[in-house]
PDB file of N, CA and C in Angstrom:
ATOM      1  N   UNK A   1       0.750  -1.229  -0.010  1.00  0.00           N
ATOM      2  CA  UNK A   1       0.082   0.068   0.010  1.00  0.00           C
ATOM      3  C   UNK A   1       0.948   1.152  -0.001  1.00  0.00           C
ATOM      4  N   UNK A   2       2.105   1.113   0.355  1.00  0.00           N
ATOM      5  CA  UNK A   2       3.133   2.345   0.328  1.00  0.00           C
ATOM      6  C   UNK A   2       3.695   2.401  -1.000  1.00  0.00           C
ATOM      7  N   UNK A   3       3.220   1.791  -2.181  1.00  0.00           N
ATOM      8  CA  UNK A   3       3.888   1.810  -3.477  1.00  0.00           C
ATOM      9  C   UNK A   3       3.559   3.185  -3.935  1.00  0.00           C
ATOM     10  N   UNK A   4       4.561   3.754  -4.680  1.00  0.00           N
ATOM     11  CA  UNK A   4       4.465   5.165  -5.297  1.00  0.00           C
ATOM     12  C   UNK A   4       3.182   5.221  -6.395  1.00  0.00           C
ATOM     13  N   UNK A   5       2.564   6.196  -6.339  1.00  0.00           N
ATOM     14  CA  UNK A   5       1.342   6.319  -7.084  1.00  0.00           C
ATOM     15  C   UNK A   5       1.637   7.344  -8.280  1.00  0.00           C
ATOM     16  N   UNK A   6       1.424   6.812  -9.392  1.00  0.00           N
ATOM     17  CA  UNK A   6       1.505   7.448 -10.637  1.00  0.00           C
ATOM     18  C   UNK A   6       0.643   8.584 -10.608  1.00  0.00           C
ATOM     19  N   UNK A   7       1.188   9.797 -10.942  1.00  0.00           N
ATOM     20  CA  UNK A   7       0.363  10.959 -11.014  1.00  0.00           C
ATOM     21  C   UNK A   7       0.442  11.503 -12.526  1.00  0.00           C
ATOM     22  N   UNK A   8      -0.430  11.140 -13.438  1.00  0.00           N
ATOM     23  CA  UNK A   8      -0.384  11.659 -14.737  1.00  0.00           C
ATOM     24  C   UNK A   8      -0.769  13.165 -14.857  1.00  0.00           C
ATOM     25  N   UNK A   9       0.055  14.141 -14.653  1.00  0.00           N
ATOM     26  CA  UNK A   9      -0.055  15.521 -14.659  1.00  0.00           C
ATOM     27  C   UNK A   9      -0.571  15.899 -16.002  1.00  0.00           C
ATOM     28  N   UNK A  10      -0.067  15.254 -17.067  1.00  0.00           N
ATOM     29  CA  UNK A  10      -0.336  15.585 -18.451  1.00  0.00           C
ATOM     30  C   UNK A  10      -1.932  15.423 -18.814  1.00  0.00           C
ATOM     31  N   UNK A  11      -2.435  14.319 -18.261  1.00  0.00           N
ATOM     32  CA  UNK A  11      -3.720  13.966 -18.258  1.00  0.00           C
ATOM     33  C   UNK A  11      -4.643  14.967 -17.957  1.00  0.00           C
ATOM     34  N   UNK A  12      -4.386  15.523 -16.621  1.00  0.00           N
ATOM     35  CA  UNK A  12      -5.118  16.499 -15.955  1.00  0.00           C
ATOM     36  C   UNK A  12      -4.972  17.799 -16.784  1.00  0.00           C
ATOM     37  N   UNK A  13      -3.730  18.111 -17.117  1.00  0.00           N
ATOM     38  CA  UNK A  13      -3.626  19.254 -18.050  1.00  0.00           C
ATOM     39  C   UNK A  13      -4.385  19.233 -19.322  1.00  0.00           C
ATOM     40  N   UNK A  14      -4.366  18.071 -20.032  1.00  0.00           N
ATOM     41  CA  UNK A  14      -5.082  17.980 -21.293  1.00  0.00           C
ATOM     42  C   UNK A  14      -6.522  18.157 -21.115  1.00  0.00           C
ATOM     43  N   UNK A  15      -7.096  17.503 -19.832  1.00  0.00           N
ATOM     44  CA  UNK A  15      -8.513  17.628 -19.409  1.00  0.00           C
ATOM     45  C   UNK A  15      -8.936  19.019 -19.363  1.00  0.00           C
ATOM     46  N   UNK A  16      -8.169  19.750 -18.564  1.00  0.00           N
ATOM     47  CA  UNK A  16      -8.404  21.249 -18.458  1.00  0.00           C
ATOM     48  C   UNK A  16      -8.323  22.181 -19.696  1.00  0.00           C
ATOM     49  N   UNK A  17      -7.270  21.675 -20.461  1.00  0.00           N
ATOM     50  CA  UNK A  17      -7.159  22.424 -21.723  1.00  0.00           C
ATOM     51  C   UNK A  17      -8.383  22.178 -22.836  1.00  0.00           C
ATOM     52  N   UNK A  18      -8.648  20.911 -22.870  1.00  0.00           N
ATOM     53  CA  UNK A  18      -9.984  20.431 -23.661  1.00  0.00           C
ATOM     54  C   UNK A  18     -11.068  21.246 -23.075  1.00  0.00           C
ATOM     55  N   UNK A  19     -11.264  21.538 -21.915  1.00  0.00           N
ATOM     56  CA  UNK A  19     -12.510  22.044 -21.437  1.00  0.00           C
ATOM     57  C   UNK A  19     -12.624  23.640 -21.718  1.00  0.00           C
ATOM     58  N   UNK A  20     -11.384  24.262 -21.599  1.00  0.00           N
ATOM     59  CA  UNK A  20     -11.452  25.641 -21.937  1.00  0.00           C
ATOM     60  C   UNK A  20     -11.260  26.004 -23.519  1.00  0.00           C
ATOM     61  N   UNK A  21     -11.119  24.844 -24.306  1.00  0.00           N
ATOM     62  CA  UNK A  21     -11.070  24.974 -25.742  1.00  0.00           C
ATOM     63  C   UNK A  21     -12.341  25.483 -26.302  1.00  0.00           C
ATOM     64  N   UNK A  22     -12.250  26.114 -27.383  1.00  0.00           N
ATOM     65  CA  UNK A  22     -13.506  26.770 -28.090  1.00  0.00           C
ATOM     66  C   UNK A  22     -14.542  25.693 -28.624  1.00  0.00           C
ATOM     67  N   UNK A  23     -14.048  24.522 -29.124  1.00  0.00           N
ATOM     68  CA  UNK A  23     -14.984  23.527 -29.521  1.00  0.00           C
ATOM     69  C   UNK A  23     -15.870  22.909 -28.426  1.00  0.00           C
ATOM     70  N   UNK A  24     -15.121  22.609 -27.208  1.00  0.00           N
ATOM     71  CA  UNK A  24     -15.790  22.173 -26.053  1.00  0.00           C
ATOM     72  C   UNK A  24     -16.989  23.080 -25.561  1.00  0.00           C
ATOM     73  N   UNK A  25     -16.446  24.331 -25.513  1.00  0.00           N
ATOM     74  CA  UNK A  25     -17.313  25.385 -25.040  1.00  0.00           C
ATOM     75  C   UNK A  25     -18.409  25.677 -25.933  1.00  0.00           C
ATOM     76  N   UNK A  26     -18.244  25.576 -27.202  1.00  0.00           N
ATOM     77  CA  UNK A  26     -19.372  25.573 -28.212  1.00  0.00           C
ATOM     78  C   UNK A  26     -20.371  24.543 -27.968  1.00  0.00           C
ATOM     79  N   UNK A  27     -19.906  23.380 -27.835  1.00  0.00           N
ATOM     80  CA  UNK A  27     -20.630  22.219 -27.574  1.00  0.00           C
ATOM     81  C   UNK A  27     -21.509  22.354 -26.338  1.00  0.00           C
ATOM     82  N   UNK A  28     -20.717  22.711 -25.277  1.00  0.00           N
ATOM     83  CA  UNK A  28     -21.373  22.834 -23.925  1.00  0.00           C
ATOM     84  C   UNK A  28     -22.511  24.072 -24.011  1.00  0.00           C
ATOM     85  N   UNK A  29     -22.114  25.179 -24.685  1.00  0.00           N
ATOM     86  CA  UNK A  29     -23.310  26.053 -24.738  1.00  0.00           C
ATOM     87  C   UNK A  29     -24.449  25.590 -25.458  1.00  0.00           C
ATOM     88  N   UNK A  30     -24.272  25.021 -26.537  1.00  0.00           N
ATOM     89  CA  UNK A  30     -25.289  24.455 -27.302  1.00  0.00           C
ATOM     90  C   UNK A  30     -26.199  23.195 -26.580  1.00  0.00           C
ATOM     91  N   UNK A  31     -25.574  22.370 -25.688  1.00  0.00           N
ATOM     92  CA  UNK A  31     -26.215  21.330 -25.016  1.00  0.00           C
ATOM     93  C   UNK A  31     -26.891  21.963 -23.738  1.00  0.00           C
ATOM     94  N   UNK A  32     -26.088  22.824 -22.862  1.00  0.00           N
ATOM     95  CA  UNK A  32     -26.598  23.285 -21.589  1.00  0.00           C
ATOM     96  C   UNK A  32     -27.051  24.698 -21.658  1.00  0.00           C
ATOM     97  N   UNK A  33     -26.675  25.477 -22.599  1.00  0.00           N
ATOM     98  CA  UNK A  33     -27.075  26.761 -22.557  1.00  0.00           C
ATOM     99  C   UNK A  33     -26.333  27.921 -21.944  1.00  0.00           C
ATOM    100  N   UNK A  34     -25.020  27.352 -21.527  1.00  0.00           N
ATOM    101  CA  UNK A  34     -24.044  28.306 -20.788  1.00  0.00           C
ATOM    102  C   UNK A  34     -22.612  27.692 -21.151  1.00  0.00           C
ATOM    103  N   UNK A  35     -21.741  28.586 -21.053  1.00  0.00           N
ATOM    104  CA  UNK A  35     -20.359  28.152 -21.020  1.00  0.00           C
ATOM    105  C   UNK A  35     -19.912  27.365 -19.733  1.00  0.00           C
ATOM    106  N   UNK A  36     -18.928  26.444 -19.910  1.00  0.00           N
ATOM    107  CA  UNK A  36     -18.533  25.708 -18.799  1.00  0.00           C
ATOM    108  C   UNK A  36     -17.403  26.546 -18.040  1.00  0.00           C
ATOM    109  N   UNK A  37     -17.427  26.748 -16.769  1.00  0.00           N
ATOM    110  CA  UNK A  37     -16.359  27.206 -16.084  1.00  0.00           C
ATOM    111  C   UNK A  37     -15.121  26.437 -16.004  1.00  0.00           C
ATOM    112  N   UNK A  38     -15.145  25.279 -16.214  1.00  0.00           N
ATOM    113  CA  UNK A  38     -14.128  24.490 -16.167  1.00  0.00           C
ATOM    114  C   UNK A  38     -13.497  24.303 -14.744  1.00  0.00           C
ATOM    115  N   UNK A  39     -14.217  24.652 -13.751  1.00  0.00           N
ATOM    116  CA  UNK A  39     -13.565  24.733 -12.252  1.00  0.00           C
ATOM    117  C   UNK A  39     -13.347  23.287 -11.751  1.00  0.00           C
ATOM    118  N   UNK A  40     -14.191  22.299 -12.208  1.00  0.00           N
ATOM    119  CA  UNK A  40     -13.736  21.095 -11.839  1.00  0.00           C
ATOM    120  C   UNK A  40     -12.533  20.422 -12.492  1.00  0.00           C
ATOM    121  N   UNK A  41     -12.266  20.743 -13.642  1.00  0.00           N
ATOM    122  CA  UNK A  41     -10.989  20.396 -14.310  1.00  0.00           C
ATOM    123  C   UNK A  41      -9.797  21.136 -13.525  1.00  0.00           C
ATOM    124  N   UNK A  42     -10.021  22.467 -13.457  1.00  0.00           N
ATOM    125  CA  UNK A  42      -9.025  23.177 -12.825  1.00  0.00           C
ATOM    126  C   UNK A  42      -8.711  22.550 -11.378  1.00  0.00           C
ATOM    127  N   UNK A  43      -9.743  22.312 -10.733  1.00  0.00           N
ATOM    128  CA  UNK A  43      -9.559  21.678  -9.400  1.00  0.00           C
ATOM    129  C   UNK A  43      -8.565  20.339  -9.384  1.00  0.00           C
ATOM    130  N   UNK A  44      -9.134  19.530 -10.432  1.00  0.00           N
ATOM    131  CA  UNK A  44      -8.290  18.253 -10.632  1.00  0.00           C
ATOM    132  C   UNK A  44      -6.922  18.534 -10.923  1.00  0.00           C
ATOM    133  N   UNK A  45      -6.559  19.585 -11.719  1.00  0.00           N
ATOM    134  CA  UNK A  45      -5.323  19.875 -11.966  1.00  0.00           C
ATOM    135  C   UNK A  45      -4.527  20.175 -10.689  1.00  0.00           C
ATOM    136  N   UNK A  46      -5.051  21.079  -9.937  1.00  0.00           N
ATOM    137  CA  UNK A  46      -4.422  21.511  -8.815  1.00  0.00           C
ATOM    138  C   UNK A  46      -4.271  20.320  -7.811  1.00  0.00           C
ATOM    139  N   UNK A  47      -5.229  19.551  -7.747  1.00  0.00           N
ATOM    140  CA  UNK A  47      -5.197  18.353  -6.960  1.00  0.00           C
ATOM    141  C   UNK A  47      -3.911  17.394  -7.372  1.00  0.00           C
ATOM    142  N   UNK A  48      -3.924  17.223  -8.492  1.00  0.00           N
ATOM    143  CA  UNK A  48      -2.799  16.365  -9.128  1.00  0.00           C
ATOM    144  C   UNK A  48      -1.377  16.828  -8.794  1.00  0.00           C
ATOM    145  N   UNK A  49      -1.281  18.305  -8.891  1.00  0.00           N
ATOM    146  CA  UNK A  49       0.028  19.060  -8.554  1.00  0.00           C
ATOM    147  C   UNK A  49       0.404  18.822  -7.035  1.00  0.00           C
ATOM    148  N   UNK A  50      -0.584  18.959  -6.252  1.00  0.00           N
ATOM    149  CA  UNK A  50      -0.488  18.699  -4.892  1.00  0.00           C
ATOM    150  C   UNK A  50      -0.154  17.231  -4.668  1.00  0.00           C
ATOM    151  N   UNK A  51      -0.703  16.419  -5.193  1.00  0.00           N
ATOM    152  CA  UNK A  51      -0.453  14.844  -5.015  1.00  0.00           C
ATOM    153  C   UNK A  51       0.977  14.483  -5.488  1.00  0.00           C
ATOM    154  N   UNK A  52       1.393  15.210  -6.579  1.00  0.00           N
ATOM    155  CA  UNK A  52       2.667  14.962  -7.197  1.00  0.00           C
ATOM    156  C   UNK A  52       3.763  15.273  -6.112  1.00  0.00           C
ATOM    157  N   UNK A  53       3.461  16.321  -5.280  1.00  0.00           N
ATOM    158  CA  UNK A  53       4.564  16.668  -4.287  1.00  0.00           C
ATOM    159  C   UNK A  53       4.497  15.730  -3.050  1.00  0.00           C
ATOM    160  N   UNK A  54       3.425  14.905  -2.888  1.00  0.00           N
ATOM    161  CA  UNK A  54       3.126  14.084  -1.829  1.00  0.00           C
ATOM    162  C   UNK A  54       3.437  12.591  -2.216  1.00  0.00           C
ATOM    163  N   UNK A  55       3.602  12.241  -3.484  1.00  0.00           N
ATOM    164  CA  UNK A  55       3.673  11.036  -3.880  1.00  0.00           C
ATOM    165  C   UNK A  55       4.704  10.188  -3.208  1.00  0.00           C
ATOM    166  N   UNK A  56       5.903  10.687  -2.761  1.00  0.00           N
ATOM    167  CA  UNK A  56       6.960  10.018  -2.158  1.00  0.00           C
ATOM    168  C   UNK A  56       6.764  10.058  -0.487  1.00  0.00           C
ATOM    169  N   UNK A  57       6.221  11.124  -0.059  1.00  0.00           N
ATOM    170  CA  UNK A  57       6.255  11.368   1.210  1.00  0.00           C
ATOM    171  C   UNK A  57       5.000  10.563   1.858  1.00  0.00           C
ATOM    172  N   UNK A  58       3.780  10.697   1.200  1.00  0.00           N
ATOM    173  CA  UNK A  58       2.557  10.123   1.755  1.00  0.00           C
ATOM    174  C   UNK A  58       1.681   9.388   0.771  1.00  0.00           C
ATOM    175  N   UNK A  59       2.142   8.250   0.145  1.00  0.00           N
ATOM    176  CA  UNK A  59       1.450   7.734  -0.899  1.00  0.00           C
ATOM    177  C   UNK A  59       0.020   7.326  -0.646  1.00  0.00           C
ATOM    178  N   UNK A  60      -0.419   7.094   0.508  1.00  0.00           N
ATOM    179  CA  UNK A  60      -1.903   6.836   0.788  1.00  0.00           C
ATOM    180  C   UNK A  60      -2.803   7.965   0.638  1.00  0.00           C
ATOM    181  N   UNK A  61      -2.417   9.083   1.148  1.00  0.00           N
ATOM    182  CA  UNK A  61      -3.063  10.313   1.043  1.00  0.00           C
ATOM    183  C   UNK A  61      -3.058  10.673  -0.376  1.00  0.00           C
ATOM    184  N   UNK A  62      -1.970  10.396  -1.063  1.00  0.00           N
ATOM    185  CA  UNK A  62      -1.880  10.855  -2.604  1.00  0.00           C
ATOM    186  C   UNK A  62      -2.901   9.970  -3.286  1.00  0.00           C
ATOM    187  N   UNK A  63      -3.095   8.661  -3.059  1.00  0.00           N
ATOM    188  CA  UNK A  63      -3.935   7.839  -3.604  1.00  0.00           C
ATOM    189  C   UNK A  63      -5.449   8.338  -3.415  1.00  0.00           C
ATOM    190  N   UNK A  64      -5.868   8.621  -2.091  1.00  0.00           N
ATOM    191  CA  UNK A  64      -7.116   9.160  -1.897  1.00  0.00           C
ATOM    192  C   UNK A  64      -7.332  10.359  -2.479  1.00  0.00           C
ATOM    193  N   UNK A  65      -6.501  11.333  -2.655  1.00  0.00           N
ATOM    194  CA  UNK A  65      -6.797  12.610  -3.344  1.00  0.00           C
ATOM    195  C   UNK A  65      -7.142  12.268  -4.801  1.00  0.00           C
ATOM    196  N   UNK A  66      -6.257  11.406  -5.441  1.00  0.00           N
ATOM    197  CA  UNK A  66      -6.568  10.987  -6.740  1.00  0.00           C
ATOM    198  C   UNK A  66      -7.842  10.432  -7.106  1.00  0.00           C
ATOM    199  N   UNK A  67      -8.296   9.527  -6.036  1.00  0.00           N
ATOM    200  CA  UNK A  67      -9.520   8.772  -6.244  1.00  0.00           C
ATOM    201  C   UNK A  67     -10.702   9.757  -6.182  1.00  0.00           C
ATOM    202  N   UNK A  68     -10.478  10.884  -5.566  1.00  0.00           N
ATOM    203  CA  UNK A  68     -11.675  11.838  -5.316  1.00  0.00           C
ATOM    204  C   UNK A  68     -11.658  13.035  -6.439  1.00  0.00           C
ATOM    205  N   UNK A  69     -10.951  12.839  -7.476  1.00  0.00           N
ATOM    206  CA  UNK A  69     -11.025  13.925  -8.522  1.00  0.00           C
ATOM    207  C   UNK A  69     -12.271  13.598  -9.321  1.00  0.00           C
ATOM    208  N   UNK A  70     -12.681  14.761 -10.041  1.00  0.00           N
ATOM    209  CA  UNK A  70     -13.685  14.625 -10.836  1.00  0.00           C
ATOM    210  C   UNK A  70     -13.487  13.774 -12.038  1.00  0.00           C
ATOM    211  N   UNK A  71     -12.304  13.907 -12.580  1.00  0.00           N
ATOM    212  CA  UNK A  71     -11.946  12.881 -13.718  1.00  0.00           C
ATOM    213  C   UNK A  71     -12.132  11.366 -13.299  1.00  0.00           C
ATOM    214  N   UNK A  72     -11.713  10.969 -12.138  1.00  0.00           N
ATOM    215  CA  UNK A  72     -11.803   9.569 -11.729  1.00  0.00           C
ATOM    216  C   UNK A  72     -13.322   9.240 -11.494  1.00  0.00           C
ATOM    217  N   UNK A  73     -14.064  10.208 -10.943  1.00  0.00           N
ATOM    218  CA  UNK A  73     -15.479  10.031 -10.964  1.00  0.00           C
ATOM    219  C   UNK A  73     -16.087   9.831 -11.934  1.00  0.00           C
ATOM    220  N   UNK A  74     -15.968  10.832 -12.959  1.00  0.00           N
ATOM    221  CA  UNK A  74     -16.525  10.858 -14.294  1.00  0.00           C
ATOM    222  C   UNK A  74     -16.293   9.645 -15.130  1.00  0.00           C
ATOM    223  N   UNK A  75     -15.080   9.099 -14.984  1.00  0.00           N
ATOM    224  CA  UNK A  75     -14.715   7.981 -15.897  1.00  0.00           C
ATOM    225  C   UNK A  75     -15.275   6.627 -15.343  1.00  0.00           C
ATOM    226  N   UNK A  76     -15.981   6.730 -14.194  1.00  0.00           N
ATOM    227  CA  UNK A  76     -16.602   5.486 -13.821  1.00  0.00           C
ATOM    228  C   UNK A  76     -18.264   5.422 -13.961  1.00  0.00           C
ATOM    229  N   UNK A  77     -18.701   6.498 -14.721  1.00  0.00           N
ATOM    230  CA  UNK A  77     -20.002   6.658 -15.114  1.00  0.00           C
ATOM    231  C   UNK A  77     -20.129   6.533 -16.455  1.00  0.00           C
ATOM    232  N   UNK A  78     -21.350   6.398 -17.112  1.00  0.00           N
ATOM    233  CA  UNK A  78     -21.533   6.707 -18.596  1.00  0.00           C
ATOM    234  C   UNK A  78     -21.084   7.872 -19.042  1.00  0.00           C
ATOM    235  N   UNK A  79     -20.354   8.189 -20.149  1.00  0.00           N
ATOM    236  CA  UNK A  79     -19.793   9.281 -20.656  1.00  0.00           C
ATOM    237  C   UNK A  79     -21.019  10.385 -21.065  1.00  0.00           C
ATOM    238  N   UNK A  80     -22.152   9.642 -21.454  1.00  0.00           N
ATOM    239  CA  UNK A  80     -23.316  10.503 -21.846  1.00  0.00           C
ATOM    240  C   UNK A  80     -24.280  10.664 -20.803  1.00  0.00           C
ATOM    241  N   UNK A  81     -23.953  10.315 -19.569  1.00  0.00           N
ATOM    242  CA  UNK A  81     -24.900  10.601 -18.285  1.00  0.00           C
ATOM    243  C   UNK A  81     -25.095  12.105 -18.144  1.00  0.00           C
ATOM    244  N   UNK A  82     -26.349  12.414 -18.231  1.00  0.00           N
ATOM    245  CA  UNK A  82     -26.648  13.852 -18.090  1.00  0.00           C
ATOM    246  C   UNK A  82     -26.631  14.724 -19.356  1.00  0.00           C
ATOM    247  N   UNK A  83     -25.966  14.045 -20.374  1.00  0.00           N
ATOM    248  CA  UNK A  83     -25.902  14.956 -21.670  1.00  0.00           C
ATOM    249  C   UNK A  83     -27.111  14.590 -22.591  1.00  0.00           C
ATOM    250  N   UNK A  84     -27.925  13.683 -22.328  1.00  0.00           N
ATOM    251  CA  UNK A  84     -29.077  13.400 -23.299  1.00  0.00           C
ATOM    252  C   UNK A  84     -30.216  13.918 -22.670  1.00  0.00           C
ATOM    253  N   UNK A  85     -31.068  14.549 -23.405  1.00  0.00           N
ATOM    254  CA  UNK A  85     -32.180  15.192 -22.959  1.00  0.00           C
ATOM    255  C   UNK A  85     -33.407  14.534 -23.699  1.00  0.00           C
ATOM    256  N   UNK A  86     -34.546  14.822 -23.079  1.00  0.00           N
ATOM    257  CA  UNK A  86     -35.941  14.306 -23.725  1.00  0.00           C
ATOM    258  C   UNK A  86     -36.442  15.485 -24.544  1.00  0.00           C
ATOM    259  N   UNK A  87     -37.118  15.146 -25.563  1.00  0.00           N
ATOM    260  CA  UNK A  87     -37.680  16.067 -26.575  1.00  0.00           C
ATOM    261  C   UNK A  87     -39.216  16.059 -26.377  1.00  0.00           C
TER     262      UNK A  87
END
């Protein structure tokens, strides 16, 4: 359980970059009616950076931090959950 946790900073950077991109914002505006603040992706990126500093000092805390990210929670449910509406 004290094994070093891999922190894919580039994954979280890519998720945040994708979110702030014009194509994603356009799609989100169309689907939801407003722009996405991308605060969840930004929070994930900050969490990943904090965890990166802790990965050798406290791997268990680091693992818990990464398990509580929006990305981790989002990838465990259907990618279309909440994105499909009734007509």
